Amino acid sequence: MKTRKTLAAVRGYAILTVLAALMFAPIYYLIIGSFKPSAEVLNGFGGFLPVDLSFNNYAKVFASLSSDSTGYFLQYVLNSLTISGVIVIVGLVINSMAGYAFARLEWMGRDKVFLIVVILVIVPFESAAIPLLFMLQGERDTLLVQIIPFLANAFSVYLFYTSFLSSNASVEEAARIDGLGAFGTFVRVVAPNSKPVFATVAILTFLSSWGQFLWPSLTTSDPAVRPLPLEMGAFSGLQPVDWGAVFAFGTMLVLPILILFLAFQRFFVQSVASSAVKE
């Protein structure tokens, strides 16, 4: 029996190791390719080998994006950080308060409004992009037009709702008895005890906003407000294609997401694990 359990554990770890390797392989290929000459990047399995490594590709990216015709790389970074940062911070406030209102407060039409939120979860953004474009026509070529449509997010509201609904209500009731109102209870009791779901929503929101391409391509034509993904599309279209520089650009685009996830992975795992237990 003990041998069977050991073999099952070894088999399970082997499968997980293979799956992890398959998941990590594209990221490794991207990072290692960013340090290699362009001719050696698209070299089949040889592209995984760390040979002729240097920072030349990163220097090419900064040099190419520092001319007056294309703008400045650091400006694109600042644009993306501003857009994603505002969406994450303001979105956490708006969506968490909405989720708490649905989960704990009693008000007329709550269930019907929540049904609309659930329906919006399955509606793709692309179907509403053109109407939104006409609604925000006056804000074209600004950072604001890239922020407003994503502050309130139906999926984030739903995540907060499910988390608050399954939390311990007795602590909130005690706070209400002590004289705290709904807002005070949320700020001083609920939010501090809900770090995992806040971290989860922050990661998912940042991931979505950082990689936005369709909406900025519809609403911006001024390089001064262009985010990184849109600039990468323009950069990769330059002829002849320098794949080493393209991989370096992609690495710098992916790096903030990896840093954010590594910084908050503990809360992310706690949120997923607690949701599984509660279900």
Protein backbone atom coordinates (compact mmCIF):
# COMPACT_ATOMS: atom_id res chain seq x y z
CA MET A 1 0.00 0.00 0.00
CA LYS A 2 2.83 2.36 0.90
CA THR A 3 4.59 1.59 -2.39
CA ARG A 4 1.41 2.34 -4.34
CA LYS A 5 1.02 5.71 -2.62
CA THR A 6 4.67 6.53 -3.34
CA LEU A 7 4.32 5.59 -7.01
CA ALA A 8 1.10 7.61 -7.28
CA ALA A 9 2.82 10.62 -5.72
CA VAL A 10 5.82 10.29 -8.05
CA ARG A 11 3.53 9.96 -11.06
CA GLY A 12 1.53 12.99 -9.97
CA TYR A 13 4.64 15.12 -9.46
CA ALA A 14 6.02 13.97 -12.82
CA ILE A 15 2.84 15.00 -14.62
CA LEU A 16 2.77 18.36 -12.82
CA THR A 17 6.44 18.93 -13.66
CA VAL A 18 5.82 18.27 -17.36
CA LEU A 19 2.80 20.58 -17.36
CA ALA A 20 4.74 23.30 -15.54
CA ALA A 21 7.57 22.98 -18.08
CA LEU A 22 5.13 23.29 -20.98
CA MET A 23 3.57 26.39 -19.40
CA PHE A 24 6.92 28.01 -18.69
CA ALA A 25 8.56 27.11 -22.03
CA PRO A 26 7.13 30.07 -24.05
CA ILE A 27 8.16 32.54 -21.33
CA TYR A 28 11.66 31.05 -21.19
CA TYR A 29 11.88 31.13 -24.99
CA LEU A 30 10.85 34.80 -24.95
CA ILE A 31 13.36 35.80 -22.26
CA ILE A 32 16.32 33.81 -23.61
CA GLY A 33 15.58 35.01 -27.14
CA SER A 34 15.70 38.62 -25.99
CA PHE A 35 19.41 38.21 -25.23
CA LYS A 36 20.36 36.44 -28.49
CA PRO A 37 21.18 37.73 -31.98
CA SER A 38 18.17 37.94 -34.27
CA ALA A 39 19.46 35.17 -36.54
CA GLU A 40 19.54 32.68 -33.66
CA VAL A 41 16.15 33.46 -32.12
CA LEU A 42 13.89 31.52 -34.51
CA ASN A 43 16.10 28.47 -34.59
CA GLY A 44 13.70 25.68 -33.59
CA PHE A 45 14.75 23.89 -30.43
CA GLY A 46 18.11 25.61 -30.74
CA GLY A 47 16.33 28.79 -29.73
CA PHE A 48 16.16 27.44 -26.16
CA LEU A 49 19.95 27.24 -25.87
CA PRO A 50 21.62 30.16 -24.03
CA VAL A 51 24.34 31.06 -26.54
CA ASP A 52 25.79 34.46 -27.59
CA LEU A 53 23.85 36.29 -24.87
CA SER A 54 24.08 40.07 -24.60
CA PHE A 55 22.01 43.18 -23.87
CA ASN A 56 22.28 44.45 -27.44
CA ASN A 57 18.61 43.83 -28.21
CA TYR A 58 17.49 45.95 -25.26
CA ALA A 59 19.81 48.73 -26.39
CA LYS A 60 18.25 48.50 -29.88
CA VAL A 61 14.74 48.85 -28.43
CA PHE A 62 15.63 51.98 -26.47
CA ALA A 63 17.56 53.44 -29.39
CA SER A 64 14.79 52.74 -31.91
CA LEU A 65 12.07 54.16 -29.66
CA SER A 66 13.99 57.31 -28.75
CA SER A 67 13.68 59.12 -32.07
CA ASP A 68 11.28 61.99 -32.63
CA SER A 69 9.29 59.92 -35.13
CA THR A 70 8.37 57.14 -32.74
CA GLY A 71 8.37 58.82 -29.36
CA TYR A 72 10.10 57.63 -26.23
CA PHE A 73 10.04 54.17 -24.70
CA LEU A 74 9.83 55.45 -21.12
CA GLN A 75 6.79 57.51 -22.12
CA TYR A 76 5.04 54.36 -23.32
CA VAL A 77 5.92 52.64 -20.05
CA LEU A 78 4.56 55.59 -18.07
CA ASN A 79 1.36 55.59 -20.15
CA SER A 80 0.74 51.90 -19.53
CA LEU A 81 1.57 52.17 -15.82
CA THR A 82 -0.76 55.16 -15.44
CA ILE A 83 -3.63 53.48 -17.29
CA SER A 84 -3.28 50.13 -15.52
CA GLY A 85 -2.58 51.69 -12.11
CA VAL A 86 -5.67 53.91 -12.19
CA ILE A 87 -7.86 51.07 -13.46
CA VAL A 88 -6.64 48.72 -10.72
CA ILE A 89 -6.82 51.18 -7.79
CA VAL A 90 -10.10 52.90 -8.67
CA GLY A 91 -11.56 49.61 -9.90
CA LEU A 92 -10.83 47.92 -6.56
CA VAL A 93 -12.76 50.64 -4.75
CA ILE A 94 -15.75 50.68 -7.12
CA ASN A 95 -16.08 46.93 -7.67
CA SER A 96 -15.50 45.95 -4.04
CA MET A 97 -18.13 48.39 -2.80
CA ALA A 98 -20.56 47.15 -5.46
CA GLY A 99 -19.88 43.53 -4.48
CA TYR A 100 -20.46 44.34 -0.82
CA ALA A 101 -23.72 46.14 -1.64
CA PHE A 102 -24.98 43.06 -3.49
CA ALA A 103 -23.81 40.62 -0.82
CA ARG A 104 -24.82 42.37 2.40
CA LEU A 105 -27.16 45.32 1.85
CA GLU A 106 -30.91 45.10 1.33
CA TRP A 107 -32.28 47.47 -1.30
CA MET A 108 -35.07 47.50 -3.84
CA GLY A 109 -34.27 45.73 -7.10
CA ARG A 110 -30.98 44.29 -5.84
CA ASP A 111 -31.49 40.81 -7.28
CA LYS A 112 -32.57 42.14 -10.67
CA VAL A 113 -29.59 44.46 -10.90
CA PHE A 114 -27.27 41.63 -9.87
CA LEU A 115 -28.76 39.47 -12.63
CA ILE A 116 -27.77 42.17 -15.11
CA VAL A 117 -24.22 42.11 -13.69
CA VAL A 118 -24.04 38.34 -14.14
CA ILE A 119 -25.25 38.68 -17.74
CA LEU A 120 -22.60 41.33 -18.39
CA VAL A 121 -19.91 38.86 -17.31
CA ILE A 122 -20.55 36.75 -20.41
CA VAL A 123 -20.90 39.70 -22.82
CA PRO A 124 -17.59 40.18 -24.71
CA PHE A 125 -16.10 43.66 -24.68
CA GLU A 126 -15.77 43.62 -28.45
CA SER A 127 -19.56 43.71 -28.82
CA ALA A 128 -19.71 47.03 -26.93
CA ALA A 129 -16.50 48.58 -28.29
CA ILE A 130 -18.09 50.51 -31.16
CA PRO A 131 -20.95 52.04 -29.09
CA LEU A 132 -18.39 53.01 -26.42
CA LEU A 133 -16.23 54.57 -29.11
CA PHE A 134 -19.06 56.88 -30.17
CA MET A 135 -19.97 57.69 -26.55
CA LEU A 136 -16.38 58.73 -25.77
CA GLN A 137 -15.66 60.39 -29.10
CA GLY A 138 -14.74 63.67 -27.39
CA GLU A 139 -12.05 62.00 -25.30
CA ARG A 140 -10.09 60.43 -28.17
CA ASP A 141 -6.30 60.55 -27.96
CA THR A 142 -6.27 60.85 -24.17
CA LEU A 143 -5.33 58.56 -21.32
CA LEU A 144 -8.83 59.04 -19.91
CA VAL A 145 -10.54 57.27 -22.82
CA GLN A 146 -8.36 54.22 -22.13
CA ILE A 147 -9.37 54.17 -18.45
CA ILE A 148 -13.09 54.99 -18.13
CA PRO A 149 -14.60 51.87 -19.79
CA PHE A 150 -12.68 49.49 -17.51
CA LEU A 151 -13.17 51.00 -14.05
CA ALA A 152 -16.36 49.05 -13.36
CA ASN A 153 -15.98 45.38 -14.21
CA ALA A 154 -18.81 42.86 -13.90
CA PHE A 155 -16.48 39.91 -13.30
CA SER A 156 -14.63 41.76 -10.53
CA VAL A 157 -17.95 42.64 -8.90
CA TYR A 158 -18.95 38.98 -9.03
CA LEU A 159 -15.66 37.87 -7.45
CA PHE A 160 -16.09 40.35 -4.60
CA TYR A 161 -19.74 39.35 -4.20
CA THR A 162 -18.96 35.64 -3.82
CA SER A 163 -16.14 36.39 -1.37
CA PHE A 164 -18.19 38.72 0.83
CA LEU A 165 -21.21 36.43 0.71
CA SER A 166 -19.20 33.52 2.13
CA SER A 167 -17.37 35.59 4.77
CA ASN A 168 -18.25 35.58 8.47
CA ALA A 169 -21.19 37.94 8.90
CA SER A 170 -21.10 37.87 12.71
CA VAL A 171 -18.06 40.18 12.82
CA GLU A 172 -19.88 42.69 10.63
CA GLU A 173 -22.98 42.47 12.80
CA ALA A 174 -20.88 43.17 15.87
CA ALA A 175 -19.42 46.23 14.16
CA ARG A 176 -22.90 47.46 13.27
CA ILE A 177 -24.02 47.01 16.88
CA ASP A 178 -21.03 49.09 18.00
CA GLY A 179 -22.33 51.95 15.87
CA LEU A 180 -20.54 51.56 12.55
CA GLY A 181 -22.60 52.18 9.45
CA ALA A 182 -22.44 50.13 6.27
CA PHE A 183 -19.57 52.19 4.84
CA GLY A 184 -17.60 52.16 8.10
CA THR A 185 -18.09 48.40 8.45
CA PHE A 186 -16.85 47.86 4.93
CA VAL A 187 -13.77 50.07 5.30
CA ARG A 188 -12.73 49.06 8.82
CA VAL A 189 -13.84 45.42 9.02
CA VAL A 190 -14.61 43.82 5.65
CA ALA A 191 -11.83 45.22 3.45
CA PRO A 192 -8.91 44.51 5.87
CA ASN A 193 -10.08 40.88 6.20
CA SER A 194 -10.45 40.36 2.45
CA LYS A 195 -6.87 40.77 1.26
CA PRO A 196 -6.84 37.55 -0.83
CA VAL A 197 -9.78 38.55 -3.02
CA PHE A 198 -8.43 42.11 -3.36
CA ALA A 199 -5.07 40.70 -4.49
CA THR A 200 -6.77 38.30 -6.92
CA VAL A 201 -8.87 41.03 -8.51
CA ALA A 202 -5.85 43.36 -8.66
CA ILE A 203 -3.77 40.76 -10.51
CA LEU A 204 -6.54 39.86 -12.97
CA THR A 205 -7.39 43.52 -13.58
CA PHE A 206 -3.77 44.53 -14.13
CA LEU A 207 -3.24 41.57 -16.45
CA SER A 208 -6.26 42.57 -18.54
CA SER A 209 -5.54 46.32 -18.66
CA TRP A 210 -1.79 45.97 -19.24
CA GLY A 211 -2.33 43.84 -22.33
CA GLN A 212 -5.12 45.92 -23.90
CA PHE A 213 -4.65 46.29 -27.65
CA LEU A 214 -8.04 46.56 -29.38
CA TRP A 215 -9.41 49.54 -27.45
CA PRO A 216 -6.24 51.71 -27.64
CA SER A 217 -5.98 50.97 -31.37
CA LEU A 218 -9.54 52.30 -31.81
CA THR A 219 -9.25 55.37 -29.61
CA THR A 220 -5.66 56.60 -29.97
CA SER A 221 -3.60 57.81 -32.89
CA ASP A 222 -1.30 60.16 -30.98
CA PRO A 223 1.99 58.42 -30.01
CA ALA A 224 2.13 60.58 -26.86
CA VAL A 225 -0.72 58.57 -25.26
CA ARG A 226 0.10 55.21 -26.83
CA PRO A 227 0.43 52.26 -24.40
CA LEU A 228 3.14 49.61 -24.62
CA PRO A 229 1.13 46.83 -26.37
CA LEU A 230 0.10 49.18 -29.17
CA GLU A 231 3.65 50.42 -29.59
CA MET A 232 4.91 46.83 -29.67
CA GLY A 233 2.54 46.14 -32.57
CA ALA A 234 3.99 49.10 -34.45
CA PHE A 235 7.54 48.15 -33.50
CA SER A 236 7.21 44.53 -34.64
CA GLY A 237 5.90 45.75 -37.99
CA LEU A 238 9.10 47.63 -38.82
CA GLN A 239 11.01 46.10 -41.73
CA PRO A 240 13.22 44.17 -41.65
CA VAL A 241 11.93 42.44 -38.53
CA ASP A 242 14.59 42.20 -35.82
CA TRP A 243 13.29 39.26 -33.81
CA GLY A 244 15.84 39.69 -31.04
CA ALA A 245 14.65 43.26 -30.44
CA VAL A 246 11.01 42.17 -30.70
CA PHE A 247 11.63 39.52 -28.04
CA ALA A 248 13.36 42.13 -25.84
CA PHE A 249 10.32 44.39 -26.18
CA GLY A 250 8.03 41.48 -25.32
CA THR A 251 10.11 40.63 -22.25
CA MET A 252 9.80 44.18 -20.95
CA LEU A 253 6.07 43.99 -21.58
CA VAL A 254 5.70 40.73 -19.64
CA LEU A 255 8.08 41.59 -16.77
CA PRO A 256 5.70 43.84 -14.76
CA ILE A 257 3.01 41.14 -14.83
CA LEU A 258 5.46 38.53 -13.51
CA ILE A 259 6.64 40.88 -10.75
CA LEU A 260 3.06 41.68 -9.71
CA PHE A 261 2.08 38.02 -9.61
CA LEU A 262 5.17 36.98 -7.64
CA ALA A 263 4.57 39.80 -5.16
CA PHE A 264 0.94 38.83 -4.52
CA GLN A 265 0.91 35.12 -5.33
CA ARG A 266 0.40 34.18 -1.65
CA PHE A 267 -2.88 36.10 -1.50
CA PHE A 268 -3.89 34.79 -4.93
CA VAL A 269 -3.40 31.17 -3.83
CA GLN A 270 -5.23 31.84 -0.55
CA SER A 271 -8.20 33.25 -2.43
CA VAL A 272 -8.40 30.29 -4.81
CA ALA A 273 -7.92 27.76 -2.01
CA SER A 274 -10.50 29.36 0.27
CA SER A 275 -13.03 29.53 -2.57
CA ALA A 276 -12.53 25.83 -3.27
CA VAL A 277 -13.01 24.92 0.39
CA LYS A 278 -16.12 27.04 0.72
CA GLU A 279 -17.63 25.56 -2.40
